[in-house]
Amino acid sequence: MHKVMIVDDNMTNLIMAKKALEDLYEIIPVSSGKIALEFLQEMPEPPDVVLLDIDMPDINGFFVISQMKNVEKLANIPVVFLTAQEDVTTEIEGYSLGAIDYIRKPFTATLLRKRVDIHVKLVQAQKHNERVNEQLQKALSEKIHNIVELEYAIVEMFTSLMANRSFLVSEHCTRVERYMSVFLDSLIQSRQFSLEETDAEILKFASKMHDVGKICLSDRCIADLGDLSIQEREFAHTHTVLGAEAIKKVMNVISDNRFLNYAYNMCRYHHERWDGKGFPDKLMTTNIPIEARILAIVNSYDIFRTTNEGAESLTHNEAINRIRFWSGTHFDPELVDAFVNIERQIAEVRF
């Protein structure tokens, strides 16, 4: 049964209102504003509607409602003012404080029941909507959780396959993910680029898949010791397309997924160049997705520091200088500046 609190210092009005409503609702009669506030604070379940007299000797109805609006559990209780006053100023004051209705005194039992019934039904509808929204949010959260689990499973599956195929490439992908984490955090903090924190988490673990196409390459191409023939090197370049096409097949089953979109872009475009001389699609400048432009720098840094395509690996400072030298040709100049600014944090990444 819905609860209605009636607050009125006039005992005749209080009894009349109680008798008019007690067959339909659980009534809480209160004879002063002070007691009403005490009851409201202490009640484990507040009333569904409060009928509140304005003119009371201790504290008036305006003060009571203003106090209610300052308490979280009371702020949304519908308040209907009971008043014998007929001036517009009083009515405006009540609405400005958050009242939802006015009932003039003297009132009839029928009118009071009808007006209270309307507001109780509105409360019922609001609570129903809140329950529905909670259920929808729960279902959505479960769906998002399942999607995230699937995304991690996809990454781990490809990473496991890659580790069985080439330990070197698998370790490279792990290092790239950690460098990406540091770089992305810095980029988001700078607010210079259109990146959100929610995007960063997805981009970090999606970056581990950028070399998944190398599963299809020969051992020589994977090792890339700098002695590949022209034909072998051209075939090695196809790892971007091979990996992207594998991800595309998953995208055909799971559509409109940010993780897969980012993974696809990073896989296909991380060897594109700012000047348009990269592969596989000869994209240039901002036509290259930003996630691929970010990855291109991180990917190259790790290659410089480790295999360096068969040449002697570079020191951290040498790798940074190489990246700075390639700014505007291989890499996005603004991203290079951002990367160089955090070169100390990059050097401190541990594995």
Protein backbone atom coordinates (compact mmCIF):
# COMPACT_ATOMS: atom_id res chain seq x y z
CA MET A 1 0.00 0.00 0.00
CA HIS A 2 1.33 3.45 -0.90
CA LYS A 3 2.13 5.82 1.94
CA VAL A 4 0.92 9.42 2.18
CA MET A 5 2.17 11.81 4.85
CA ILE A 6 -0.23 14.61 5.81
CA VAL A 7 1.34 17.60 7.62
CA ASP A 8 -1.11 20.12 9.09
CA ASP A 9 -1.25 21.86 12.47
CA ASN A 10 -5.05 22.15 12.23
CA MET A 11 -6.41 18.93 13.76
CA THR A 12 -9.76 19.26 11.98
CA ASN A 13 -8.08 19.44 8.57
CA LEU A 14 -5.69 16.63 9.52
CA ILE A 15 -8.54 14.30 10.56
CA MET A 16 -10.61 15.16 7.47
CA ALA A 17 -7.70 14.43 5.12
CA LYS A 18 -6.89 11.19 6.95
CA LYS A 19 -10.48 9.90 6.73
CA ALA A 20 -10.67 10.83 3.03
CA LEU A 21 -7.59 8.79 2.16
CA GLU A 22 -7.16 6.02 4.73
CA ASP A 23 -9.20 3.47 2.75
CA LEU A 24 -6.80 3.79 -0.17
CA TYR A 25 -3.43 4.58 1.39
CA GLU A 26 -1.32 4.10 4.50
CA ILE A 27 -1.62 7.50 6.17
CA ILE A 28 1.05 9.15 8.31
CA PRO A 29 -0.59 12.15 10.05
CA VAL A 30 1.80 14.78 11.46
CA SER A 31 0.80 17.95 13.30
CA SER A 32 3.89 20.14 12.71
CA GLY A 33 6.64 20.81 10.21
CA LYS A 34 9.35 20.08 12.76
CA ILE A 35 7.98 16.63 13.55
CA ALA A 36 7.50 15.96 9.83
CA LEU A 37 11.20 16.58 9.12
CA GLU A 38 12.20 14.33 12.03
CA PHE A 39 9.92 11.52 10.78
CA LEU A 40 11.13 11.87 7.21
CA GLN A 41 14.77 11.64 8.26
CA GLU A 42 14.19 8.56 10.42
CA MET A 43 11.80 6.59 8.19
CA PRO A 44 13.54 3.66 6.43
CA GLU A 45 11.10 4.03 3.52
CA PRO A 46 9.87 7.59 2.92
CA PRO A 47 6.27 8.27 1.90
CA ASP A 48 5.24 8.29 -1.75
CA VAL A 49 3.54 11.70 -1.46
CA VAL A 50 3.60 14.47 1.18
CA LEU A 51 0.56 16.73 1.65
CA LEU A 52 2.05 19.81 3.30
CA ASP A 53 0.28 22.73 4.92
CA ILE A 54 1.98 26.07 4.27
CA ASP A 55 0.88 28.09 7.32
CA MET A 56 2.13 26.37 10.50
CA PRO A 57 3.28 28.03 13.74
CA ASP A 58 6.67 26.41 14.31
CA ILE A 59 8.15 26.17 10.82
CA ASN A 60 6.09 26.74 7.70
CA GLY A 61 5.68 24.48 4.68
CA PHE A 62 8.15 26.48 2.59
CA PHE A 63 10.92 25.76 5.09
CA VAL A 64 9.98 22.06 5.27
CA ILE A 65 10.17 21.56 1.50
CA SER A 66 13.42 23.53 1.22
CA GLN A 67 14.96 21.22 3.87
CA MET A 68 13.66 18.15 2.07
CA LYS A 69 15.30 19.22 -1.20
CA ASN A 70 18.67 19.33 0.58
CA VAL A 71 18.45 15.65 1.63
CA GLU A 72 19.13 13.09 -1.10
CA LYS A 73 16.60 10.47 0.02
CA LEU A 74 13.85 13.12 0.44
CA ALA A 75 14.57 15.40 -2.52
CA ASN A 76 12.40 13.53 -5.04
CA ILE A 77 9.33 12.96 -2.86
CA PRO A 78 6.36 14.71 -4.52
CA VAL A 79 5.07 17.53 -2.30
CA VAL A 80 1.52 18.86 -2.66
CA PHE A 81 0.81 22.07 -0.73
CA LEU A 82 -2.40 22.49 1.27
CA THR A 83 -3.29 26.15 1.70
CA ALA A 84 -6.16 28.53 2.31
CA GLN A 85 -4.22 31.35 0.66
CA GLU A 86 -5.25 32.42 -2.83
CA ASP A 87 -2.55 34.92 -3.81
CA VAL A 88 -0.44 34.10 -6.85
CA THR A 89 2.83 35.03 -5.10
CA THR A 90 2.43 32.23 -2.56
CA GLU A 91 1.68 29.72 -5.31
CA ILE A 92 4.70 30.80 -7.37
CA GLU A 93 6.90 30.56 -4.28
CA GLY A 94 5.74 26.99 -3.67
CA TYR A 95 6.37 25.85 -7.24
CA SER A 96 9.78 27.52 -7.26
CA LEU A 97 10.72 25.48 -4.18
CA GLY A 98 9.75 22.23 -5.91
CA ALA A 99 6.07 21.62 -5.10
CA ILE A 100 4.20 19.65 -7.77
CA ASP A 101 0.64 20.78 -6.98
CA TYR A 102 -1.62 22.98 -4.83
CA ILE A 103 -4.87 21.97 -3.12
CA ARG A 104 -6.99 24.80 -1.78
CA LYS A 105 -8.68 24.68 1.59
CA PRO A 106 -11.38 23.90 2.34
CA PHE A 107 -11.20 20.77 0.15
CA THR A 108 -13.73 18.01 -0.44
CA ALA A 109 -12.85 14.36 0.21
CA THR A 110 -13.53 13.46 -3.44
CA LEU A 111 -11.24 16.16 -4.80
CA LEU A 112 -8.47 15.25 -2.37
CA ARG A 113 -8.67 11.56 -3.30
CA LYS A 114 -8.58 12.33 -7.04
CA ARG A 115 -5.61 14.67 -6.80
CA VAL A 116 -3.61 12.33 -4.55
CA ASP A 117 -4.50 9.38 -6.79
CA ILE A 118 -3.04 11.22 -9.81
CA HIS A 119 0.27 11.84 -8.06
CA VAL A 120 0.52 8.33 -6.64
CA LYS A 121 0.01 6.92 -10.13
CA LEU A 122 2.77 9.20 -11.42
CA VAL A 123 5.02 7.88 -8.65
CA GLN A 124 4.13 4.31 -9.65
CA ALA A 125 4.96 5.05 -13.29
CA GLN A 126 8.27 6.66 -12.34
CA LYS A 127 9.27 3.71 -10.15
CA HIS A 128 8.28 1.30 -12.92
CA ASN A 129 10.44 3.24 -15.39
CA GLU A 130 13.33 3.21 -12.93
CA ARG A 131 13.05 -0.58 -12.55
CA VAL A 132 12.93 -1.01 -16.31
CA ASN A 133 15.96 1.26 -16.73
CA GLU A 134 17.87 -0.68 -14.06
CA GLN A 135 17.08 -3.94 -15.86
CA LEU A 136 18.16 -2.45 -19.18
CA GLN A 137 21.37 -1.10 -17.64
CA LYS A 138 22.08 -4.49 -16.09
CA ALA A 139 21.49 -6.24 -19.40
CA LEU A 140 23.65 -3.68 -21.19
CA SER A 141 26.44 -4.05 -18.62
CA GLU A 142 26.35 -7.82 -19.01
CA LYS A 143 26.45 -7.46 -22.78
CA ILE A 144 29.39 -5.04 -22.61
CA HIS A 145 31.16 -7.38 -20.18
CA ASN A 146 30.66 -10.30 -22.56
CA ILE A 147 31.93 -8.23 -25.49
CA VAL A 148 35.05 -7.16 -23.57
CA GLU A 149 35.69 -10.77 -22.58
CA LEU A 150 35.37 -11.76 -26.23
CA GLU A 151 37.78 -9.00 -27.26
CA TYR A 152 40.38 -10.16 -24.76
CA ALA A 153 39.83 -13.76 -25.90
CA ILE A 154 40.46 -12.75 -29.51
CA VAL A 155 43.68 -10.96 -28.55
CA GLU A 156 44.90 -13.88 -26.44
CA MET A 157 44.04 -16.35 -29.20
CA PHE A 158 46.04 -14.46 -31.84
CA THR A 159 48.86 -13.76 -29.36
CA SER A 160 49.07 -17.44 -28.48
CA LEU A 161 49.18 -18.40 -32.15
CA MET A 162 51.85 -15.80 -32.79
CA ALA A 163 53.94 -17.01 -29.83
CA ASN A 164 53.87 -20.55 -31.21
CA ARG A 165 54.93 -19.23 -34.61
CA SER A 166 57.58 -16.72 -33.49
CA PHE A 167 58.69 -15.85 -29.98
CA LEU A 168 60.41 -12.71 -31.30
CA VAL A 169 57.26 -11.30 -32.87
CA SER A 170 55.17 -12.22 -29.82
CA GLU A 171 57.57 -10.39 -27.50
CA HIS A 172 57.64 -7.42 -29.88
CA CYS A 173 53.84 -7.17 -29.71
CA THR A 174 53.93 -7.30 -25.90
CA ARG A 175 56.50 -4.49 -25.76
CA VAL A 176 54.50 -2.42 -28.26
CA GLU A 177 51.42 -2.72 -26.05
CA ARG A 178 53.34 -1.35 -23.05
CA TYR A 179 54.86 1.52 -25.01
CA MET A 180 51.40 2.29 -26.40
CA SER A 181 50.02 2.44 -22.88
CA VAL A 182 52.52 5.11 -21.83
CA PHE A 183 52.17 7.07 -25.07
CA LEU A 184 48.36 7.00 -25.12
CA ASP A 185 48.09 8.11 -21.49
CA SER A 186 50.27 11.11 -22.32
CA LEU A 187 48.31 11.97 -25.47
CA ILE A 188 44.99 11.86 -23.62
CA GLN A 189 46.34 13.99 -20.80
CA SER A 190 47.53 16.60 -23.29
CA ARG A 191 44.05 16.81 -24.87
CA GLN A 192 45.75 17.81 -28.08
CA PHE A 193 44.29 14.87 -29.99
CA SER A 194 40.75 13.50 -30.28
CA LEU A 195 41.30 10.56 -27.96
CA GLU A 196 39.14 9.48 -25.02
CA GLU A 197 40.18 7.43 -21.98
CA THR A 198 37.73 4.70 -22.98
CA ASP A 199 39.41 4.56 -26.40
CA ALA A 200 42.85 4.26 -24.82
CA GLU A 201 42.11 1.02 -22.99
CA ILE A 202 40.78 -0.56 -26.19
CA LEU A 203 43.69 0.72 -28.27
CA LYS A 204 46.27 -0.62 -25.83
CA PHE A 205 45.31 -4.26 -26.05
CA ALA A 206 44.19 -4.06 -29.69
CA SER A 207 47.73 -2.94 -30.57
CA LYS A 208 49.02 -6.41 -29.67
CA MET A 209 47.36 -7.69 -32.85
CA HIS A 210 49.13 -5.38 -35.29
CA ASP A 211 51.54 -8.06 -36.55
CA VAL A 212 49.12 -10.99 -36.56
CA GLY A 213 49.50 -11.30 -40.34
CA LYS A 214 53.09 -12.47 -39.83
CA ILE A 215 51.70 -15.89 -38.91
CA CYS A 216 51.40 -16.43 -42.66
CA LEU A 217 55.03 -15.49 -43.46
CA SER A 218 58.05 -17.73 -43.88
CA ASP A 219 60.60 -18.06 -41.09
CA ARG A 220 63.07 -15.88 -43.01
CA CYS A 221 60.51 -13.13 -43.54
CA ILE A 222 59.52 -13.19 -39.87
CA ALA A 223 63.12 -13.01 -38.69
CA ASP A 224 63.92 -10.23 -41.21
CA LEU A 225 67.68 -10.19 -40.67
CA GLY A 226 68.19 -7.66 -43.45
CA ASP A 227 69.14 -10.23 -46.11
CA LEU A 228 65.70 -10.70 -47.74
CA SER A 229 65.37 -10.69 -51.50
CA ILE A 230 63.15 -8.11 -53.19
CA GLN A 231 60.44 -10.75 -53.65
CA GLU A 232 60.68 -11.85 -50.00
CA ARG A 233 60.53 -8.27 -48.78
CA GLU A 234 57.47 -7.53 -50.93
CA PHE A 235 55.79 -10.64 -49.56
CA ALA A 236 56.72 -9.64 -46.02
CA HIS A 237 54.89 -6.37 -46.59
CA THR A 238 51.67 -8.32 -47.17
CA HIS A 239 51.47 -9.15 -43.44
CA THR A 240 49.52 -5.91 -42.98
CA VAL A 241 46.82 -7.00 -45.45
CA LEU A 242 46.81 -10.64 -44.34
CA GLY A 243 46.28 -9.67 -40.72
CA ALA A 244 43.67 -7.05 -41.54
CA GLU A 245 41.71 -9.51 -43.66
CA ALA A 246 41.68 -12.03 -40.80
CA ILE A 247 40.27 -9.35 -38.48
CA LYS A 248 37.80 -8.32 -41.19
CA LYS A 249 36.30 -11.82 -41.15
CA VAL A 250 35.56 -11.41 -37.44
CA MET A 251 34.11 -7.96 -38.14
CA ASN A 252 31.68 -9.54 -40.60
CA VAL A 253 30.27 -11.56 -37.71
CA ILE A 254 30.52 -8.86 -35.01
CA SER A 255 29.65 -5.56 -36.65
CA ASP A 256 30.16 -2.02 -35.34
CA ASN A 257 32.78 -2.95 -32.75
CA ARG A 258 35.35 -0.29 -31.80
CA PHE A 259 37.96 -2.81 -30.71
CA LEU A 260 37.85 -4.64 -34.04
CA ASN A 261 37.84 -1.35 -35.98
CA TYR A 262 40.94 -0.15 -34.12
CA ALA A 263 42.65 -3.54 -34.47
CA TYR A 264 41.92 -3.55 -38.21
CA ASN A 265 43.24 -0.01 -38.74
CA MET A 266 46.40 -0.59 -36.73
CA CYS A 267 47.06 -3.91 -38.43
CA ARG A 268 46.58 -2.65 -41.99
CA TYR A 269 47.98 0.87 -41.76
CA HIS A 270 50.87 0.83 -39.23
CA HIS A 271 53.41 0.83 -42.09
CA GLU A 272 51.80 3.74 -43.96
CA ARG A 273 53.93 6.90 -44.03
CA TRP A 274 53.08 10.55 -43.47
CA ASP A 275 54.49 11.37 -46.95
CA GLY A 276 52.43 8.65 -48.68
CA LYS A 277 55.37 6.34 -49.47
CA GLY A 278 54.37 3.55 -47.10
CA PHE A 279 52.35 0.37 -47.65
CA PRO A 280 49.94 -1.22 -48.40
CA ASP A 281 47.62 1.60 -49.57
CA LYS A 282 49.95 4.62 -49.94
CA LEU A 283 47.85 6.69 -47.56
CA MET A 284 49.31 9.99 -46.43
CA THR A 285 49.04 12.53 -43.62
CA THR A 286 45.71 12.51 -41.73
CA ASN A 287 44.16 10.04 -44.16
CA ILE A 288 46.02 7.48 -42.06
CA PRO A 289 43.87 6.69 -38.98
CA ILE A 290 45.34 8.30 -35.87
CA GLU A 291 45.65 4.96 -34.06
CA ALA A 292 47.86 3.69 -36.91
CA ARG A 293 49.95 6.89 -36.85
CA ILE A 294 50.52 6.45 -33.10
CA LEU A 295 51.38 2.78 -33.51
CA ALA A 296 53.81 3.50 -36.36
CA ILE A 297 56.05 5.49 -34.01
CA VAL A 298 55.86 2.99 -31.16
CA ASN A 299 56.37 0.04 -33.51
CA SER A 300 59.44 1.63 -35.10
CA TYR A 301 60.93 2.57 -31.74
CA ASP A 302 60.81 -1.03 -30.57
CA ILE A 303 62.25 -2.33 -33.85
CA PHE A 304 65.11 0.19 -33.63
CA ARG A 305 65.85 -0.91 -30.07
CA THR A 306 65.79 -4.66 -30.83
CA THR A 307 66.11 -6.31 -34.26
CA ASN A 308 66.56 -3.12 -36.33
CA GLU A 309 65.84 -5.26 -39.43
CA GLY A 310 69.17 -7.08 -39.25
CA ALA A 311 71.35 -4.06 -38.42
CA GLU A 312 72.86 -3.35 -35.03
CA SER A 313 70.15 -2.30 -32.57
CA LEU A 314 70.08 1.34 -31.52
CA THR A 315 70.38 2.87 -28.08
CA HIS A 316 67.38 4.72 -26.69
CA ASN A 317 68.83 8.12 -27.65
CA GLU A 318 69.70 6.90 -31.14
CA ALA A 319 66.19 5.54 -31.61
CA ILE A 320 64.66 8.84 -30.48
CA ASN A 321 66.92 10.76 -32.85
CA ARG A 322 65.92 8.47 -35.73
CA ILE A 323 62.24 9.05 -35.01
CA ARG A 324 62.85 12.81 -34.81
CA PHE A 325 64.74 12.68 -38.12
CA TRP A 326 61.82 10.85 -39.79
CA SER A 327 59.27 13.41 -38.58
CA GLY A 328 57.25 14.69 -41.54
CA THR A 329 58.33 11.81 -43.81
CA HIS A 330 57.53 8.56 -42.03
CA PHE A 331 55.67 9.97 -39.03
CA ASP A 332 53.07 12.57 -38.06
CA PRO A 333 55.17 15.58 -36.86
CA GLU A 334 52.82 16.46 -34.00
CA LEU A 335 52.84 12.90 -32.72
CA VAL A 336 56.63 12.79 -32.98
CA ASP A 337 56.87 15.91 -30.82
CA ALA A 338 54.53 14.31 -28.29
CA PHE A 339 56.57 11.09 -28.28
CA VAL A 340 59.89 12.91 -27.87
CA ASN A 341 58.41 14.88 -24.96
CA ILE A 342 57.90 11.64 -23.01
CA GLU A 343 61.09 9.88 -24.12
CA ARG A 344 62.21 9.50 -20.49
CA GLN A 345 59.01 7.64 -19.61
CA ILE A 346 59.46 5.45 -22.68
CA ALA A 347 63.04 4.64 -21.65
CA GLU A 348 61.81 3.61 -18.18
CA VAL A 349 59.28 1.04 -19.45
CA ARG A 350 60.15 -2.32 -17.90
CA PHE A 351 59.41 -5.82 -19.16
